[in-house]
Amino acid sequence: MNKIKKGIPFMDQHDENGFWGKHGGNFIGETLKQPVEDLTKAFEKLRNDRGFLDELEYYRKNYIGRPTPFLELPALTKHFGGKAKIVVKHEAQAYSGSHKINNAIVHAMIAIAMGKKEICGDTGAGYAGSALAIAASLFGLKCKVFMGRHDMERQRIQVFRMRSLGTEVVPCDQGSKTLVEAVSSCIRYYTANCDRVHMCVGSCVSATIWVKICAWAQSIIGKEMEEQMIDMFGKTPDELNLNIVCAIGGGSSSYGTFNNFIPMENVILTGVEAGGPQGKNKGADSLSRGKIGVLHGSKSYLLQDDKGQVSNTTSVSAGLDYPSNSPLHSHLVDLKRLQIMSVSDEQALESFKLVSRLTGLQPSLEPCHSFAAIAKLAPKSDPDSVIATNCCGNALKDMDILAERLKLD
């Protein structure tokens, strides 16, 4: 595949083997082949079922609180020199505090439709796990969430939140004890129990069907954002001098934001990766430094050593601390449709202070990377241009880390 097709969602532009160009696929064991086929058939039916869509719209409007706000940040615009107008999709206003609830609700509804009584999932920053715990409670499902021990320690409030909702949080002590091990453990559990358990993958990773479900669930962000831009500017996005800047880890919020704009050739898409501690070269910037490899059932750019072993990564942001990315993003990079930047821990922390003090918004550490990238891009932008981003989560989960690193007292 050498070009983007118009009129077909990018998530659906894979071949018969589930590949977007060189990326994607279904690198799964024999045990999962039938469950994956069953899930694929169920999803393709449900995404076109009027009853399912009406119920989803009800929960989006009345439970999640959609549409989420879209607003200008004039103080940031002025601070960065006034050339580019800074606007933000305030996805942190969604119930649960982040965009992750969009995917969790969809997966819980799929589980119910398929007759499953239990749902399992992974989490790094804790928002995917908390959202799944909320959705499981809402729909009466038993819930188990896998989380790296290191992430459990730095996201204690999210662990409490999940447990208070009745979810079992399973610590993962292998490797770096972060998101990569949580996903691995979740897949192992699902493989052993796939006859009775539904698996929710919180990012656009893993085998093709999980990439597509997450991408489809999160695409509501870009759909709303396109409509809100037209209302704000009186022009279609491709008539604006527009750059959309989003942080990339597993790709759920960034793909959801980019989705509607991918076919618009005049709109620049910028992905921001976690560079980790400044000067250490140990960040989670797989689209910048990775080589093609297989992780968690799909092929994409992957940080690995000379022997092909997955590299440990380090980031102040638990949600971006993942050694690979979505095959959707890897293919967009190959197509030269997505440009990539890297932001260090220190730059992300500074952007938290700046955005907090100039706008009153307090983004989680994931979108802080986006704002740090905007600080680099905005002063060099053309006059009358627009830079849009997605504040995909609030900082409540990160307050312990922020207090320790920023030492504002």
Protein backbone atom coordinates (compact mmCIF):
# COMPACT_ATOMS: atom_id res chain seq x y z
CA MET A 1 0.00 0.00 0.00
CA ASN A 2 1.63 3.22 -1.16
CA LYS A 3 -0.98 5.89 -0.58
CA ILE A 4 -3.89 6.85 1.63
CA LYS A 5 -7.32 6.13 0.21
CA LYS A 6 -10.00 8.77 0.60
CA GLY A 7 -13.48 7.79 1.73
CA ILE A 8 -12.24 4.79 3.75
CA PRO A 9 -11.16 5.19 7.40
CA PHE A 10 -7.41 4.71 7.63
CA MET A 11 -7.91 1.98 10.26
CA ASP A 12 -9.71 -0.08 7.59
CA GLN A 13 -6.99 0.32 4.96
CA HIS A 14 -5.18 -2.92 5.79
CA ASP A 15 -4.74 -5.93 3.54
CA GLU A 16 -6.37 -9.36 3.93
CA ASN A 17 -3.68 -10.36 6.44
CA GLY A 18 -4.22 -7.34 8.67
CA PHE A 19 -1.17 -5.35 7.54
CA TRP A 20 -0.96 -1.62 7.01
CA GLY A 21 1.99 -1.63 4.64
CA LYS A 22 4.79 -3.43 6.51
CA HIS A 23 3.10 -3.09 9.88
CA GLY A 24 0.38 -4.91 11.81
CA GLY A 25 -0.59 -8.52 11.27
CA ASN A 26 -1.67 -11.28 13.62
CA PHE A 27 1.36 -12.86 15.26
CA ILE A 28 -0.65 -14.98 17.67
CA GLY A 29 -0.65 -18.55 18.91
CA GLU A 30 -2.95 -21.25 17.60
CA THR A 31 -5.11 -20.97 20.73
CA LEU A 32 -6.13 -17.42 19.85
CA LYS A 33 -6.91 -17.86 16.16
CA GLN A 34 -10.56 -18.84 16.64
CA PRO A 35 -11.25 -16.26 19.41
CA VAL A 36 -9.71 -13.56 17.21
CA GLU A 37 -11.84 -14.63 14.26
CA ASP A 38 -14.95 -14.63 16.45
CA LEU A 39 -14.14 -11.19 17.85
CA THR A 40 -13.46 -9.82 14.37
CA LYS A 41 -16.82 -11.04 13.09
CA ALA A 42 -18.63 -9.70 16.16
CA PHE A 43 -17.01 -6.27 15.92
CA GLU A 44 -17.64 -5.85 12.20
CA LYS A 45 -21.28 -6.70 12.79
CA LEU A 46 -21.71 -4.50 15.85
CA ARG A 47 -20.06 -1.40 14.37
CA ASN A 48 -22.82 -1.41 11.74
CA ASP A 49 -25.68 -2.40 14.03
CA ARG A 50 -28.13 0.46 14.64
CA GLY A 51 -29.12 -0.79 18.08
CA PHE A 52 -25.49 -1.05 19.21
CA LEU A 53 -24.66 2.39 17.81
CA ASP A 54 -27.69 4.02 19.43
CA GLU A 55 -26.77 2.52 22.80
CA LEU A 56 -23.16 3.67 22.40
CA GLU A 57 -24.33 7.18 21.52
CA TYR A 58 -26.48 7.20 24.67
CA TYR A 59 -23.48 6.36 26.86
CA ARG A 60 -21.22 8.80 25.04
CA LYS A 61 -23.64 11.65 25.61
CA ASN A 62 -25.06 10.85 29.03
CA TYR A 63 -22.30 8.91 30.79
CA ILE A 64 -19.00 10.03 29.24
CA GLY A 65 -20.22 13.59 28.67
CA ARG A 66 -19.53 13.97 24.96
CA PRO A 67 -18.86 16.07 23.05
CA THR A 68 -15.84 17.24 25.06
CA PRO A 69 -14.92 20.94 24.84
CA PHE A 70 -12.75 22.54 22.15
CA LEU A 71 -11.27 25.90 23.03
CA GLU A 72 -8.62 28.49 22.26
CA LEU A 73 -5.74 29.15 24.68
CA PRO A 74 -5.01 32.86 24.02
CA ALA A 75 -2.42 33.20 26.79
CA LEU A 76 -0.33 30.41 25.26
CA THR A 77 -0.78 31.95 21.81
CA LYS A 78 0.57 35.25 23.13
CA HIS A 79 3.37 33.61 25.13
CA PHE A 80 4.70 31.81 22.05
CA GLY A 81 4.81 35.00 19.99
CA GLY A 82 1.28 35.24 18.59
CA LYS A 83 2.01 33.70 15.20
CA ALA A 84 0.09 30.45 15.72
CA LYS A 85 -3.28 30.28 17.44
CA ILE A 86 -3.15 27.46 20.03
CA VAL A 87 -6.36 25.44 20.39
CA VAL A 88 -7.07 22.31 22.41
CA LYS A 89 -9.52 19.44 22.48
CA HIS A 90 -10.15 19.09 26.22
CA GLU A 91 -10.56 15.33 26.32
CA ALA A 92 -9.66 15.30 30.01
CA GLN A 93 -13.22 16.53 30.59
CA ALA A 94 -14.54 13.09 29.65
CA TYR A 95 -15.79 11.16 32.66
CA SER A 96 -12.91 9.28 34.30
CA GLY A 97 -10.47 12.09 33.48
CA SER A 98 -9.17 10.89 30.13
CA HIS A 99 -10.00 9.62 26.66
CA LYS A 100 -9.57 5.99 27.76
CA ILE A 101 -13.24 5.72 28.72
CA ASN A 102 -14.17 5.88 25.00
CA ASN A 103 -12.51 2.52 24.35
CA ALA A 104 -13.51 0.92 27.66
CA ILE A 105 -17.23 1.49 27.10
CA VAL A 106 -17.03 -0.01 23.60
CA HIS A 107 -15.20 -3.09 24.85
CA ALA A 108 -17.64 -3.64 27.72
CA MET A 109 -20.53 -3.46 25.26
CA ILE A 110 -18.79 -5.96 22.97
CA ALA A 111 -18.22 -8.29 25.93
CA ILE A 112 -21.92 -8.19 26.81
CA ALA A 113 -22.92 -8.76 23.16
CA MET A 114 -20.63 -11.82 23.01
CA GLY A 115 -21.98 -13.26 26.26
CA LYS A 116 -18.79 -12.80 28.29
CA LYS A 117 -19.03 -12.24 32.04
CA GLU A 118 -15.45 -11.09 32.66
CA ILE A 119 -13.21 -8.50 31.05
CA CYS A 120 -9.47 -8.06 31.40
CA GLY A 121 -7.15 -5.23 30.38
CA ASP A 122 -3.76 -3.58 30.76
CA THR A 123 -2.75 -0.18 32.06
CA GLY A 124 0.35 1.96 32.42
CA ALA A 125 -0.65 5.42 33.59
CA GLY A 126 -3.76 3.94 35.18
CA TYR A 127 -6.38 5.77 33.11
CA ALA A 128 -7.06 2.77 30.84
CA GLY A 129 -7.40 0.55 33.89
CA SER A 130 -9.63 2.99 35.76
CA ALA A 131 -11.81 3.47 32.68
CA LEU A 132 -12.16 -0.28 32.27
CA ALA A 133 -13.00 -0.66 35.96
CA ILE A 134 -15.71 2.00 35.55
CA ALA A 135 -17.12 0.34 32.43
CA ALA A 136 -17.08 -3.09 34.08
CA SER A 137 -18.94 -1.73 37.09
CA LEU A 138 -21.48 -0.02 34.83
CA PHE A 139 -22.20 -3.18 32.83
CA GLY A 140 -21.91 -5.70 35.68
CA LEU A 141 -18.74 -7.43 34.50
CA LYS A 142 -16.02 -8.99 36.59
CA CYS A 143 -12.79 -7.11 35.88
CA LYS A 144 -9.07 -7.85 36.11
CA VAL A 145 -6.42 -5.26 35.20
CA PHE A 146 -2.70 -5.99 34.78
CA MET A 147 -0.24 -3.27 35.75
CA GLY A 148 3.55 -3.13 36.08
CA ARG A 149 4.76 -2.97 39.68
CA HIS A 150 6.73 0.22 38.94
CA ASP A 151 3.63 1.87 37.52
CA MET A 152 1.56 0.75 40.51
CA GLU A 153 4.00 2.57 42.78
CA ARG A 154 4.02 5.80 40.78
CA GLN A 155 0.26 5.73 40.09
CA ARG A 156 -1.01 4.68 43.53
CA ILE A 157 -4.15 6.78 43.32
CA GLN A 158 -5.24 4.93 40.17
CA VAL A 159 -4.64 1.57 41.84
CA PHE A 160 -6.89 2.63 44.71
CA ARG A 161 -9.46 3.89 42.25
CA MET A 162 -9.60 0.58 40.37
CA ARG A 163 -9.84 -1.45 43.53
CA SER A 164 -12.57 0.80 44.93
CA LEU A 165 -14.60 -0.04 41.82
CA GLY A 166 -14.27 -3.75 42.54
CA THR A 167 -11.52 -4.51 40.01
CA GLU A 168 -8.66 -6.89 40.76
CA VAL A 169 -5.32 -5.21 39.99
CA VAL A 170 -2.62 -7.75 39.18
CA PRO A 171 1.00 -6.57 39.64
CA CYS A 172 3.53 -7.51 36.94
CA ASP A 173 7.07 -7.95 38.22
CA GLN A 174 8.89 -8.93 35.04
CA GLY A 175 11.38 -6.76 33.14
CA SER A 176 10.95 -3.02 33.57
CA LYS A 177 7.70 -3.56 35.52
CA THR A 178 5.85 -1.11 33.28
CA LEU A 179 3.25 -1.13 30.50
CA VAL A 180 5.03 -3.60 28.21
CA GLU A 181 4.89 -6.29 30.89
CA ALA A 182 1.28 -5.43 31.72
CA VAL A 183 0.24 -6.01 28.11
CA SER A 184 2.19 -9.29 27.97
CA SER A 185 0.61 -10.57 31.17
CA CYS A 186 -2.88 -9.57 30.03
CA ILE A 187 -2.46 -11.43 26.74
CA ARG A 188 -1.24 -14.55 28.58
CA TYR A 189 -4.26 -14.47 30.88
CA TYR A 190 -6.64 -13.98 27.98
CA THR A 191 -5.02 -16.82 26.02
CA ALA A 192 -5.67 -19.18 28.92
CA ASN A 193 -9.24 -17.99 29.50
CA CYS A 194 -10.49 -16.74 26.13
CA ASP A 195 -13.54 -19.00 26.22
CA ARG A 196 -15.08 -16.94 29.03
CA VAL A 197 -13.10 -13.67 29.17
CA HIS A 198 -13.08 -10.66 26.83
CA MET A 199 -9.83 -8.69 26.50
CA CYS A 200 -9.71 -4.92 26.20
CA VAL A 201 -6.43 -3.55 24.87
CA GLY A 202 -6.18 0.09 25.94
CA SER A 203 -4.01 1.23 23.03
CA CYS A 204 -3.93 0.77 19.24
CA VAL A 205 -1.56 -2.19 19.58
CA SER A 206 -1.63 -5.99 19.45
CA ALA A 207 -3.27 -8.10 16.72
CA THR A 208 -5.27 -6.31 14.02
CA ILE A 209 -8.71 -6.56 15.63
CA TRP A 210 -7.60 -4.86 18.85
CA VAL A 211 -5.89 -2.10 16.89
CA LYS A 212 -9.11 -1.52 14.97
CA ILE A 213 -11.48 -1.59 17.96
CA CYS A 214 -9.40 0.98 19.84
CA ALA A 215 -8.96 3.16 16.76
CA TRP A 216 -12.69 3.03 15.99
CA ALA A 217 -13.67 3.80 19.58
CA GLN A 218 -11.29 6.76 19.83
CA SER A 219 -12.07 8.20 16.39
CA ILE A 220 -14.98 10.05 18.00
CA ILE A 221 -12.34 12.58 19.16
CA GLY A 222 -11.34 13.58 15.65
CA LYS A 223 -14.92 13.52 14.41
CA GLU A 224 -15.99 16.03 17.06
CA MET A 225 -12.82 18.06 16.61
CA GLU A 226 -13.40 18.54 12.88
CA GLU A 227 -16.95 19.78 13.50
CA GLN A 228 -15.77 22.06 16.32
CA MET A 229 -13.04 23.57 14.14
CA ILE A 230 -15.58 24.46 11.48
CA ASP A 231 -17.74 26.12 14.15
CA MET A 232 -14.76 28.03 15.58
CA PHE A 233 -13.06 29.19 12.38
CA GLY A 234 -15.84 29.11 9.80
CA LYS A 235 -13.58 27.07 7.53
CA THR A 236 -12.89 23.40 6.99
CA PRO A 237 -9.64 22.20 8.61
CA ASP A 238 -7.90 21.73 5.25
CA GLU A 239 -8.54 25.42 4.52
CA LEU A 240 -6.57 26.39 7.63
CA ASN A 241 -2.80 26.46 8.01
CA LEU A 242 -3.17 23.69 10.58
CA ASN A 243 -0.76 21.49 12.50
CA ILE A 244 -2.24 18.86 14.85
CA VAL A 245 0.25 17.87 17.56
CA CYS A 246 -0.32 14.81 19.75
CA ALA A 247 1.72 12.66 22.11
CA ILE A 248 2.26 9.06 21.00
CA GLY A 249 2.68 6.01 23.20
CA GLY A 250 0.42 3.15 22.22
CA GLY A 251 -1.45 5.58 20.00
CA SER A 252 -5.02 5.67 21.30
CA SER A 253 -5.47 9.40 21.83
CA SER A 254 -3.27 10.47 18.93
CA TYR A 255 -4.93 8.17 16.41
CA GLY A 256 -8.36 9.18 17.68
CA THR A 257 -7.40 12.82 17.16
CA PHE A 258 -5.72 12.31 13.77
CA ASN A 259 -8.38 10.02 12.27
CA ASN A 260 -10.56 12.56 10.43
CA PHE A 261 -7.59 14.63 9.30
CA ILE A 262 -5.40 11.91 7.78
CA PRO A 263 -6.88 12.33 4.25
CA MET A 264 -6.53 16.13 4.42
CA GLU A 265 -3.25 16.74 2.64
CA ASN A 266 -2.98 20.37 3.78
CA VAL A 267 -3.17 19.43 7.47
CA ILE A 268 0.18 18.65 9.13
CA LEU A 269 0.17 15.76 11.63
CA THR A 270 2.89 15.79 14.30
CA GLY A 271 3.49 12.95 16.72
CA VAL A 272 5.44 13.56 19.92
CA GLU A 273 7.35 10.72 21.56
CA ALA A 274 8.74 10.40 25.08
CA GLY A 275 12.48 11.03 24.87
CA GLY A 276 13.01 10.13 28.52
CA PRO A 277 15.71 11.71 30.72
CA GLN A 278 17.64 14.31 28.79
CA GLY A 279 20.83 12.99 27.19
CA LYS A 280 20.31 9.36 28.26
CA ASN A 281 19.00 7.90 24.96
CA LYS A 282 16.70 5.58 26.93
CA GLY A 283 13.32 7.06 26.06
CA ALA A 284 10.30 5.42 24.44
CA ASP A 285 10.84 7.07 21.04
CA SER A 286 10.38 3.98 18.87
CA LEU A 287 9.23 5.88 15.76
CA SER A 288 12.48 7.86 15.88
CA ARG A 289 14.99 5.16 16.88
CA GLY A 290 13.23 1.80 16.43
CA LYS A 291 13.58 -0.96 13.88
CA ILE A 292 10.73 -3.12 12.61
CA GLY A 293 9.96 -5.95 15.01
CA VAL A 294 7.11 -7.94 16.51
CA LEU A 295 5.63 -7.22 19.93
CA HIS A 296 2.29 -8.22 21.41
CA GLY A 297 0.94 -9.78 18.25
CA SER A 298 1.80 -7.15 15.64
CA LYS A 299 4.72 -5.71 13.71
CA SER A 300 5.76 -2.07 14.00
CA TYR A 301 8.80 0.04 14.81
CA LEU A 302 10.26 -1.37 18.01
CA LEU A 303 13.12 -0.45 20.32
CA GLN A 304 15.32 -3.55 20.48
CA ASP A 305 18.94 -4.53 20.97
CA ASP A 306 21.28 -6.10 18.42
CA LYS A 307 19.88 -9.54 19.23
CA GLY A 308 16.27 -8.47 18.74
CA GLN A 309 15.42 -8.39 22.44
CA VAL A 310 12.97 -5.68 23.49
CA SER A 311 14.73 -2.71 25.08
CA ASN A 312 13.76 -1.31 28.45
CA THR A 313 12.52 2.26 28.19
CA THR A 314 12.31 5.12 30.65
CA SER A 315 9.87 8.03 30.78
CA VAL A 316 8.43 10.25 33.46
CA SER A 317 5.10 9.50 31.75
CA ALA A 318 3.82 5.99 32.47
CA GLY A 319 1.36 6.24 29.60
CA LEU A 320 4.10 6.84 27.02
CA ASP A 321 6.62 4.39 28.49
CA TYR A 322 6.21 1.68 25.82
CA PRO A 323 8.99 0.37 23.51
CA SER A 324 6.81 0.23 20.39
CA ASN A 325 3.79 2.00 18.93
CA SER A 326 0.72 1.35 16.86
CA PRO A 327 1.14 -0.19 13.39
CA LEU A 328 -1.14 2.64 12.22
CA HIS A 329 1.44 5.22 13.27
CA SER A 330 4.35 3.21 11.89
CA HIS A 331 2.63 3.08 8.51
CA LEU A 332 1.79 6.79 8.62
CA VAL A 333 5.51 7.48 9.17
CA ASP A 334 6.42 5.24 6.23
CA LEU A 335 3.93 7.15 4.09
CA LYS A 336 5.53 10.42 5.26
CA ARG A 337 2.10 11.52 6.47
CA LEU A 338 3.21 11.81 10.11
CA GLN A 339 6.21 13.82 11.27
CA ILE A 340 7.83 12.87 14.58
CA MET A 341 9.35 14.89 17.40
CA SER A 342 10.86 13.80 20.70
CA VAL A 343 10.48 15.58 24.03
CA SER A 344 12.53 14.93 27.17
CA ASP A 345 11.18 14.38 30.68
CA GLU A 346 12.53 17.76 31.70
CA GLN A 347 10.82 19.57 28.84
CA ALA A 348 7.51 17.87 29.62
CA LEU A 349 7.75 18.89 33.28
CA GLU A 350 8.46 22.51 32.34
CA SER A 351 5.46 22.50 30.01
CA PHE A 352 3.24 21.41 32.92
CA LYS A 353 4.28 24.51 34.86
CA LEU A 354 3.79 26.79 31.88
CA VAL A 355 0.38 25.48 30.83
CA SER A 356 -0.86 25.41 34.44
CA ARG A 357 0.09 29.00 35.10
CA LEU A 358 -1.06 30.48 31.80
CA THR A 359 -4.28 28.55 31.16
CA GLY A 360 -5.46 26.90 34.38
CA LEU A 361 -5.42 23.55 32.60
CA GLN A 362 -3.34 20.88 34.30
CA PRO A 363 -2.55 18.21 31.72
CA SER A 364 -1.31 14.77 32.66
CA LEU A 365 2.30 14.04 31.78
CA GLU A 366 1.28 12.47 28.47
CA PRO A 367 -0.18 15.63 26.85
CA CYS A 368 2.52 17.69 28.59
CA HIS A 369 4.80 16.22 25.93
CA SER A 370 2.52 17.70 23.26
CA PHE A 371 2.58 21.13 24.86
CA ALA A 372 6.39 20.94 25.12
CA ALA A 373 6.54 20.24 21.38
CA ILE A 374 4.20 23.16 20.70
CA ALA A 375 6.64 25.39 22.62
CA LYS A 376 9.23 24.48 19.96
CA LEU A 377 6.91 24.72 16.96
CA ALA A 378 4.80 27.81 17.67
CA PRO A 379 7.53 30.51 17.54
CA LYS A 380 8.62 29.21 14.10
CA SER A 381 5.10 28.91 12.70
CA ASP A 382 3.63 31.01 9.91
CA PRO A 383 1.50 34.00 10.89
CA ASP A 384 -2.22 33.16 11.12
CA SER A 385 -1.51 29.43 11.46
CA VAL A 386 -3.27 27.13 13.91
CA ILE A 387 -1.75 24.49 16.20
CA ALA A 388 -4.23 22.07 17.74
CA THR A 389 -3.63 19.44 20.38
CA ASN A 390 -5.50 17.00 22.58
CA CYS A 391 -5.33 17.38 26.35
CA CYS A 392 -6.15 13.70 26.70
CA GLY A 393 -5.88 13.43 30.49
CA ASN A 394 -5.74 15.51 33.65
CA ALA A 395 -2.80 15.60 36.06
CA LEU A 396 -4.51 14.25 39.16
CA LYS A 397 -2.84 10.86 38.72
CA ASP A 398 0.59 12.51 38.35
CA MET A 399 0.53 14.92 41.29
CA ASP A 400 2.92 12.84 43.42
CA ILE A 401 5.46 12.70 40.58
CA LEU A 402 5.01 16.39 39.78
CA ALA A 403 5.41 17.40 43.43
CA GLU A 404 8.58 15.35 43.74
CA ARG A 405 10.17 16.51 40.49
CA LEU A 406 9.15 20.17 40.48
CA LYS A 407 9.62 20.89 44.21
CA LEU A 408 7.42 23.97 44.20
CA ASP A 409 7.09 24.22 48.01
